[in-house]
Amino acid sequence: VVHMLFKWIVKGLILSFLLKTTLSLNPDDPNVCSHWESYAVTVQESYAHPFDQIYYTRCTDILNWFKCTRHRISYKTAYRRGLRTMYRRRSQCCPGYYESGDYCIPLCTEECVHGRCVSPDTCHCEPGWGGTDCSSG
């Protein structure tokens, strides 16, 4: 069971790494923001499980052939499932940008008719055009 659980954890880590490397945003892009997020992972953990150990000692009890029963608490290693909180850095496009491939592209709510969107809701107009959406000639 422990061996199977270990194999699943390793497979999950490899898949997570592959997804992160193939689908991640370019960290050099100035429009990429990041934050820390928590997530829960199921782990198998060991603990000391107490049990009542019975043993016999010599004593003066004639009816039990001079053997007396004694008890002591002993511990053995046992396993249980537990939840562990882990943290990871999550990248996403900053507000006003959307994801396109590995980059964050500025979003203009109005189309830049004769120009291009250079930052959120800001058009850079072609020569001879003006206005907030580059539609005035």
N, C-alpha and C. Protein backbone atom coordinates (compact mmCIF):
# COMPACT_ATOMS: atom_id res chain seq x y z
N VAL A 1 0.83 -1.19 0.00
CA VAL A 1 0.00 0.00 0.00
C VAL A 1 0.88 1.25 0.00
N VAL A 2 1.92 1.27 0.83
CA VAL A 2 2.80 2.43 0.90
C VAL A 2 3.51 2.62 -0.43
N HIS A 3 3.95 1.50 -1.04
CA HIS A 3 4.65 1.57 -2.32
C HIS A 3 3.73 2.13 -3.41
N MET A 4 2.46 1.68 -3.43
CA MET A 4 1.51 2.17 -4.42
C MET A 4 1.23 3.66 -4.22
N LEU A 5 1.06 4.07 -2.97
CA LEU A 5 0.80 5.47 -2.66
C LEU A 5 1.99 6.33 -3.10
N PHE A 6 3.20 5.85 -2.87
CA PHE A 6 4.40 6.58 -3.27
C PHE A 6 4.43 6.75 -4.79
N LYS A 7 4.09 5.68 -5.54
CA LYS A 7 4.08 5.78 -7.00
C LYS A 7 3.07 6.82 -7.47
N TRP A 8 1.89 6.87 -6.84
CA TRP A 8 0.87 7.85 -7.23
C TRP A 8 1.33 9.27 -6.93
N ILE A 9 1.99 9.47 -5.82
CA ILE A 9 2.50 10.80 -5.46
C ILE A 9 3.55 11.24 -6.47
N VAL A 10 4.46 10.36 -6.83
CA VAL A 10 5.51 10.69 -7.80
C VAL A 10 4.89 11.02 -9.15
N LYS A 11 3.91 10.22 -9.59
CA LYS A 11 3.24 10.50 -10.86
C LYS A 11 2.55 11.86 -10.83
N GLY A 12 1.91 12.18 -9.72
CA GLY A 12 1.23 13.47 -9.57
C GLY A 12 2.21 14.63 -9.63
N LEU A 13 3.37 14.48 -8.99
CA LEU A 13 4.37 15.53 -9.00
C LEU A 13 4.93 15.74 -10.41
N ILE A 14 5.16 14.65 -11.13
CA ILE A 14 5.68 14.76 -12.50
C ILE A 14 4.66 15.45 -13.39
N LEU A 15 3.39 15.05 -13.30
CA LEU A 15 2.33 15.66 -14.10
C LEU A 15 2.21 17.14 -13.77
N SER A 16 2.25 17.47 -12.49
CA SER A 16 2.17 18.87 -12.06
C SER A 16 3.32 19.67 -12.65
N PHE A 17 4.53 19.12 -12.63
CA PHE A 17 5.70 19.80 -13.16
C PHE A 17 5.56 20.01 -14.66
N LEU A 18 5.10 18.98 -15.39
CA LEU A 18 4.95 19.10 -16.83
C LEU A 18 3.90 20.15 -17.19
N LEU A 19 2.77 20.15 -16.49
CA LEU A 19 1.74 21.15 -16.76
C LEU A 19 2.25 22.55 -16.45
N LYS A 20 2.99 22.69 -15.37
CA LYS A 20 3.50 24.00 -14.97
C LYS A 20 4.50 24.52 -16.00
N THR A 21 5.36 23.64 -16.54
CA THR A 21 6.36 24.10 -17.48
C THR A 21 5.78 24.35 -18.86
N THR A 22 4.72 23.65 -19.25
CA THR A 22 4.17 23.84 -20.59
C THR A 22 3.09 24.90 -20.62
N LEU A 23 2.41 25.16 -19.52
CA LEU A 23 1.30 26.09 -19.53
C LEU A 23 1.55 27.33 -18.68
N SER A 24 2.80 27.61 -18.36
CA SER A 24 3.04 28.73 -17.46
C SER A 24 3.27 30.02 -18.23
N LEU A 25 2.94 31.11 -17.59
CA LEU A 25 3.17 32.43 -18.16
C LEU A 25 4.64 32.77 -18.07
N ASN A 26 5.07 33.63 -18.97
CA ASN A 26 6.47 34.06 -18.99
C ASN A 26 6.72 34.94 -17.76
N PRO A 27 7.60 34.53 -16.84
CA PRO A 27 7.83 35.32 -15.63
C PRO A 27 8.50 36.67 -15.90
N ASP A 28 9.11 36.83 -17.09
CA ASP A 28 9.75 38.11 -17.44
C ASP A 28 8.74 39.13 -17.95
N ASP A 29 7.53 38.68 -18.24
CA ASP A 29 6.48 39.60 -18.71
C ASP A 29 6.08 40.51 -17.55
N PRO A 30 6.21 41.84 -17.73
CA PRO A 30 5.89 42.76 -16.62
C PRO A 30 4.41 42.79 -16.26
N ASN A 31 3.57 42.17 -17.11
CA ASN A 31 2.13 42.17 -16.86
C ASN A 31 1.66 40.89 -16.17
N VAL A 32 2.61 40.08 -15.70
CA VAL A 32 2.28 38.86 -14.97
C VAL A 32 2.35 39.16 -13.47
N CYS A 33 1.27 38.90 -12.79
CA CYS A 33 1.22 39.06 -11.33
C CYS A 33 1.19 37.67 -10.71
N SER A 34 1.60 37.57 -9.47
CA SER A 34 1.57 36.27 -8.82
C SER A 34 1.10 36.42 -7.38
N HIS A 35 0.62 35.32 -6.84
CA HIS A 35 0.18 35.27 -5.45
C HIS A 35 0.41 33.86 -4.92
N TRP A 36 0.42 33.75 -3.60
CA TRP A 36 0.58 32.44 -2.97
C TRP A 36 -0.79 31.85 -2.74
N GLU A 37 -0.93 30.56 -3.04
CA GLU A 37 -2.19 29.88 -2.75
C GLU A 37 -1.89 28.61 -1.97
N SER A 38 -2.84 28.23 -1.15
CA SER A 38 -2.67 27.00 -0.37
C SER A 38 -3.50 25.89 -1.01
N TYR A 39 -3.05 24.67 -0.80
CA TYR A 39 -3.80 23.50 -1.26
C TYR A 39 -3.52 22.35 -0.31
N ALA A 40 -4.44 21.43 -0.26
CA ALA A 40 -4.32 20.30 0.66
C ALA A 40 -3.80 19.08 -0.08
N VAL A 41 -2.92 18.36 0.58
CA VAL A 41 -2.36 17.13 0.03
C VAL A 41 -2.62 16.02 1.05
N THR A 42 -3.11 14.90 0.56
CA THR A 42 -3.28 13.74 1.43
C THR A 42 -1.96 13.01 1.53
N VAL A 43 -1.51 12.78 2.76
CA VAL A 43 -0.23 12.11 2.98
C VAL A 43 -0.45 10.92 3.92
N GLN A 44 0.44 9.99 3.82
CA GLN A 44 0.44 8.87 4.77
C GLN A 44 1.53 9.18 5.78
N GLU A 45 1.12 9.23 7.04
CA GLU A 45 2.07 9.58 8.08
C GLU A 45 2.14 8.47 9.13
N SER A 46 3.30 8.33 9.72
CA SER A 46 3.47 7.32 10.77
C SER A 46 3.27 7.97 12.12
N TYR A 47 2.85 7.16 13.08
CA TYR A 47 2.69 7.65 14.45
C TYR A 47 2.87 6.47 15.40
N ALA A 48 3.11 6.77 16.66
CA ALA A 48 3.29 5.74 17.68
C ALA A 48 1.92 5.35 18.22
N HIS A 49 1.49 4.13 17.91
CA HIS A 49 0.18 3.64 18.34
C HIS A 49 0.33 2.88 19.67
N PRO A 50 -0.32 3.34 20.73
CA PRO A 50 -0.19 2.66 22.02
C PRO A 50 -1.01 1.36 22.06
N PHE A 51 -0.48 0.36 22.74
CA PHE A 51 -1.25 -0.87 22.97
C PHE A 51 -0.86 -1.46 24.32
N ASP A 52 -1.78 -2.25 24.85
CA ASP A 52 -1.59 -2.87 26.17
C ASP A 52 -0.79 -4.16 25.99
N GLN A 53 0.41 -4.19 26.53
CA GLN A 53 1.25 -5.38 26.42
C GLN A 53 1.14 -6.15 27.75
N ILE A 54 0.78 -7.42 27.62
CA ILE A 54 0.63 -8.28 28.82
C ILE A 54 1.90 -9.12 28.97
N TYR A 55 2.40 -9.16 30.21
CA TYR A 55 3.56 -10.01 30.49
C TYR A 55 3.39 -10.61 31.89
N TYR A 56 4.21 -11.59 32.19
CA TYR A 56 4.09 -12.29 33.46
C TYR A 56 5.37 -12.14 34.27
N THR A 57 5.20 -12.07 35.60
CA THR A 57 6.34 -11.99 36.51
C THR A 57 6.15 -13.03 37.62
N ARG A 58 7.24 -13.32 38.29
CA ARG A 58 7.14 -14.21 39.46
C ARG A 58 6.50 -13.44 40.60
N CYS A 59 5.68 -14.15 41.31
CA CYS A 59 5.06 -13.52 42.47
C CYS A 59 4.68 -14.60 43.48
N THR A 60 3.99 -14.22 44.52
CA THR A 60 3.65 -15.16 45.60
C THR A 60 2.26 -15.76 45.45
N ASP A 61 1.67 -15.66 44.27
CA ASP A 61 0.32 -16.18 44.02
C ASP A 61 0.40 -17.68 43.74
N ILE A 62 0.11 -18.47 44.73
CA ILE A 62 0.21 -19.93 44.63
C ILE A 62 -0.82 -20.47 43.63
N LEU A 63 -2.02 -19.89 43.61
CA LEU A 63 -3.08 -20.37 42.72
C LEU A 63 -2.71 -20.25 41.24
N ASN A 64 -1.84 -19.34 40.88
CA ASN A 64 -1.42 -19.16 39.49
C ASN A 64 0.01 -19.62 39.27
N TRP A 65 0.44 -20.58 40.07
CA TRP A 65 1.78 -21.17 39.96
C TRP A 65 2.87 -20.12 40.05
N PHE A 66 2.68 -19.16 40.93
CA PHE A 66 3.65 -18.10 41.22
C PHE A 66 3.91 -17.18 40.01
N LYS A 67 2.90 -17.10 39.11
CA LYS A 67 2.99 -16.18 37.97
C LYS A 67 1.89 -15.15 38.11
N CYS A 68 2.27 -13.89 38.01
CA CYS A 68 1.28 -12.82 38.07
C CYS A 68 1.26 -12.08 36.72
N THR A 69 0.07 -11.70 36.31
CA THR A 69 -0.11 -10.96 35.06
C THR A 69 0.15 -9.48 35.32
N ARG A 70 0.91 -8.88 34.42
CA ARG A 70 1.21 -7.45 34.51
C ARG A 70 0.87 -6.81 33.15
N HIS A 71 0.65 -5.51 33.19
CA HIS A 71 0.33 -4.75 31.97
C HIS A 71 1.29 -3.56 31.87
N ARG A 72 1.65 -3.27 30.64
CA ARG A 72 2.41 -2.04 30.39
C ARG A 72 1.99 -1.51 29.01
N ILE A 73 2.02 -0.20 28.89
CA ILE A 73 1.70 0.43 27.61
C ILE A 73 2.96 0.43 26.76
N SER A 74 2.85 -0.16 25.57
CA SER A 74 3.95 -0.15 24.60
C SER A 74 3.45 0.55 23.35
N TYR A 75 4.36 0.83 22.46
CA TYR A 75 4.01 1.57 21.24
C TYR A 75 4.55 0.84 20.02
N LYS A 76 3.77 0.83 18.97
CA LYS A 76 4.24 0.30 17.70
C LYS A 76 3.95 1.33 16.62
N THR A 77 4.74 1.28 15.56
CA THR A 77 4.55 2.24 14.47
C THR A 77 3.32 1.84 13.67
N ALA A 78 2.43 2.80 13.48
CA ALA A 78 1.24 2.59 12.68
C ALA A 78 1.16 3.74 11.67
N TYR A 79 0.27 3.61 10.70
CA TYR A 79 0.14 4.62 9.65
C TYR A 79 -1.30 5.09 9.54
N ARG A 80 -1.43 6.34 9.18
CA ARG A 80 -2.76 6.92 8.98
C ARG A 80 -2.66 7.97 7.88
N ARG A 81 -3.81 8.25 7.29
CA ARG A 81 -3.87 9.32 6.29
C ARG A 81 -4.06 10.64 6.99
N GLY A 82 -3.39 11.64 6.48
CA GLY A 82 -3.53 12.96 7.05
C GLY A 82 -3.55 14.00 5.94
N LEU A 83 -4.00 15.18 6.26
CA LEU A 83 -3.99 16.28 5.30
C LEU A 83 -2.88 17.25 5.67
N ARG A 84 -2.11 17.62 4.68
CA ARG A 84 -1.05 18.59 4.90
C ARG A 84 -1.32 19.78 3.99
N THR A 85 -1.20 20.97 4.54
CA THR A 85 -1.39 22.18 3.74
C THR A 85 -0.06 22.57 3.11
N MET A 86 -0.09 22.71 1.79
CA MET A 86 1.10 23.10 1.04
C MET A 86 0.82 24.46 0.40
N TYR A 87 1.87 25.13 -0.01
CA TYR A 87 1.73 26.44 -0.65
C TYR A 87 2.49 26.47 -1.96
N ARG A 88 1.91 27.16 -2.93
CA ARG A 88 2.58 27.33 -4.21
C ARG A 88 2.32 28.73 -4.75
N ARG A 89 3.25 29.20 -5.55
CA ARG A 89 3.11 30.51 -6.16
C ARG A 89 2.31 30.32 -7.44
N ARG A 90 1.28 31.10 -7.63
CA ARG A 90 0.42 30.99 -8.81
C ARG A 90 0.55 32.28 -9.62
N SER A 91 0.88 32.14 -10.90
CA SER A 91 1.00 33.29 -11.79
C SER A 91 -0.30 33.48 -12.55
N GLN A 92 -0.64 34.72 -12.77
CA GLN A 92 -1.81 35.06 -13.56
C GLN A 92 -1.59 36.45 -14.14
N CYS A 93 -2.39 36.77 -15.13
CA CYS A 93 -2.27 38.10 -15.72
C CYS A 93 -2.78 39.14 -14.74
N CYS A 94 -2.10 40.28 -14.72
CA CYS A 94 -2.51 41.39 -13.85
C CYS A 94 -3.88 41.91 -14.32
N PRO A 95 -4.60 42.62 -13.45
CA PRO A 95 -5.90 43.17 -13.85
C PRO A 95 -5.77 44.04 -15.10
N GLY A 96 -6.70 43.86 -16.04
CA GLY A 96 -6.69 44.61 -17.28
C GLY A 96 -5.96 43.90 -18.41
N TYR A 97 -5.46 42.69 -18.16
CA TYR A 97 -4.73 41.91 -19.15
C TYR A 97 -5.37 40.53 -19.25
N TYR A 98 -5.21 39.88 -20.41
CA TYR A 98 -5.70 38.52 -20.59
C TYR A 98 -4.56 37.64 -21.10
N GLU A 99 -4.72 36.36 -20.87
CA GLU A 99 -3.66 35.41 -21.21
C GLU A 99 -3.75 35.00 -22.68
N SER A 100 -2.63 35.06 -23.36
CA SER A 100 -2.53 34.60 -24.74
C SER A 100 -1.18 33.91 -24.89
N GLY A 101 -1.23 32.59 -24.93
CA GLY A 101 0.02 31.83 -24.98
C GLY A 101 0.77 31.99 -23.68
N ASP A 102 2.03 32.43 -23.77
CA ASP A 102 2.87 32.63 -22.59
C ASP A 102 2.86 34.07 -22.09
N TYR A 103 2.07 34.93 -22.71
CA TYR A 103 2.11 36.35 -22.37
C TYR A 103 0.76 36.88 -21.93
N CYS A 104 0.80 38.03 -21.28
CA CYS A 104 -0.41 38.74 -20.87
C CYS A 104 -0.57 39.95 -21.78
N ILE A 105 -1.68 40.01 -22.47
CA ILE A 105 -1.96 41.04 -23.47
C ILE A 105 -2.94 42.04 -22.88
N PRO A 106 -2.72 43.36 -23.12
CA PRO A 106 -3.65 44.36 -22.58
C PRO A 106 -5.04 44.22 -23.21
N LEU A 107 -6.04 44.54 -22.42
CA LEU A 107 -7.43 44.42 -22.86
C LEU A 107 -8.02 45.81 -23.00
N CYS A 108 -8.50 46.13 -24.21
CA CYS A 108 -9.21 47.38 -24.45
C CYS A 108 -10.68 47.03 -24.64
N THR A 109 -11.55 47.63 -23.83
CA THR A 109 -12.98 47.29 -23.93
C THR A 109 -13.57 47.75 -25.25
N GLU A 110 -13.03 48.83 -25.82
CA GLU A 110 -13.42 49.26 -27.16
C GLU A 110 -12.28 48.92 -28.10
N GLU A 111 -12.63 48.42 -29.30
CA GLU A 111 -11.62 48.06 -30.29
C GLU A 111 -10.85 49.30 -30.73
N CYS A 112 -9.54 49.16 -30.85
CA CYS A 112 -8.71 50.24 -31.38
C CYS A 112 -8.82 50.15 -32.91
N VAL A 113 -9.68 51.02 -33.49
CA VAL A 113 -10.03 50.92 -34.90
C VAL A 113 -8.81 51.11 -35.81
N HIS A 114 -8.07 52.19 -35.62
CA HIS A 114 -6.88 52.46 -36.42
C HIS A 114 -5.68 52.62 -35.48
N GLY A 115 -5.40 51.55 -34.76
CA GLY A 115 -4.29 51.57 -33.81
C GLY A 115 -4.22 50.23 -33.10
N ARG A 116 -3.48 50.22 -32.04
CA ARG A 116 -3.36 48.96 -31.27
C ARG A 116 -3.45 49.26 -29.78
N CYS A 117 -3.91 48.26 -29.07
CA CYS A 117 -4.07 48.35 -27.61
C CYS A 117 -2.69 48.19 -26.97
N VAL A 118 -2.25 49.19 -26.20
CA VAL A 118 -0.91 49.14 -25.61
C VAL A 118 -0.92 48.94 -24.10
N SER A 119 -2.04 49.24 -23.46
CA SER A 119 -2.23 48.99 -22.04
C SER A 119 -3.74 48.98 -21.82
N PRO A 120 -4.22 48.52 -20.66
CA PRO A 120 -5.67 48.40 -20.48
C PRO A 120 -6.40 49.70 -20.84
N ASP A 121 -7.36 49.55 -21.78
CA ASP A 121 -8.19 50.67 -22.26
C ASP A 121 -7.39 51.86 -22.76
N THR A 122 -6.21 51.61 -23.34
CA THR A 122 -5.39 52.67 -23.91
C THR A 122 -4.91 52.24 -25.30
N CYS A 123 -5.37 53.00 -26.32
CA CYS A 123 -4.99 52.72 -27.70
C CYS A 123 -3.83 53.63 -28.12
N HIS A 124 -2.93 53.08 -28.93
CA HIS A 124 -1.88 53.88 -29.57
C HIS A 124 -2.30 53.98 -31.03
N CYS A 125 -2.65 55.19 -31.45
CA CYS A 125 -3.24 55.39 -32.77
C CYS A 125 -2.18 55.49 -33.87
N GLU A 126 -2.60 55.06 -35.08
CA GLU A 126 -1.76 55.23 -36.27
C GLU A 126 -1.72 56.73 -36.60
N PRO A 127 -0.67 57.17 -37.32
CA PRO A 127 -0.58 58.60 -37.67
C PRO A 127 -1.85 59.07 -38.40
N GLY A 128 -2.36 60.21 -37.96
CA GLY A 128 -3.54 60.81 -38.57
C GLY A 128 -4.85 60.41 -37.91
N TRP A 129 -4.77 59.52 -36.92
CA TRP A 129 -5.99 59.07 -36.23
C TRP A 129 -5.90 59.42 -34.75
N GLY A 130 -7.05 59.65 -34.15
CA GLY A 130 -7.07 60.01 -32.73
C GLY A 130 -8.33 59.53 -32.04
N GLY A 131 -8.51 60.00 -30.82
CA GLY A 131 -9.65 59.57 -30.01
C GLY A 131 -9.29 58.39 -29.13
N THR A 132 -10.18 58.06 -28.23
CA THR A 132 -9.88 56.95 -27.30
C THR A 132 -9.80 55.61 -28.00
N ASP A 133 -10.53 55.47 -29.16
CA ASP A 133 -10.49 54.20 -29.88
C ASP A 133 -9.87 54.34 -31.27
N CYS A 134 -9.18 55.47 -31.52
CA CYS A 134 -8.48 55.73 -32.79
C CYS A 134 -9.44 55.73 -33.99
N SER A 135 -10.67 56.21 -33.80
CA SER A 135 -11.64 56.22 -34.90
C SER A 135 -11.82 57.63 -35.48
N SER A 136 -11.25 58.65 -34.86
CA SER A 136 -11.40 60.03 -35.37
C SER A 136 -10.23 60.36 -36.27
N GLY A 137 -10.55 60.78 -37.51
CA GLY A 137 -9.51 61.07 -38.48
C GLY A 137 -9.22 62.54 -38.62
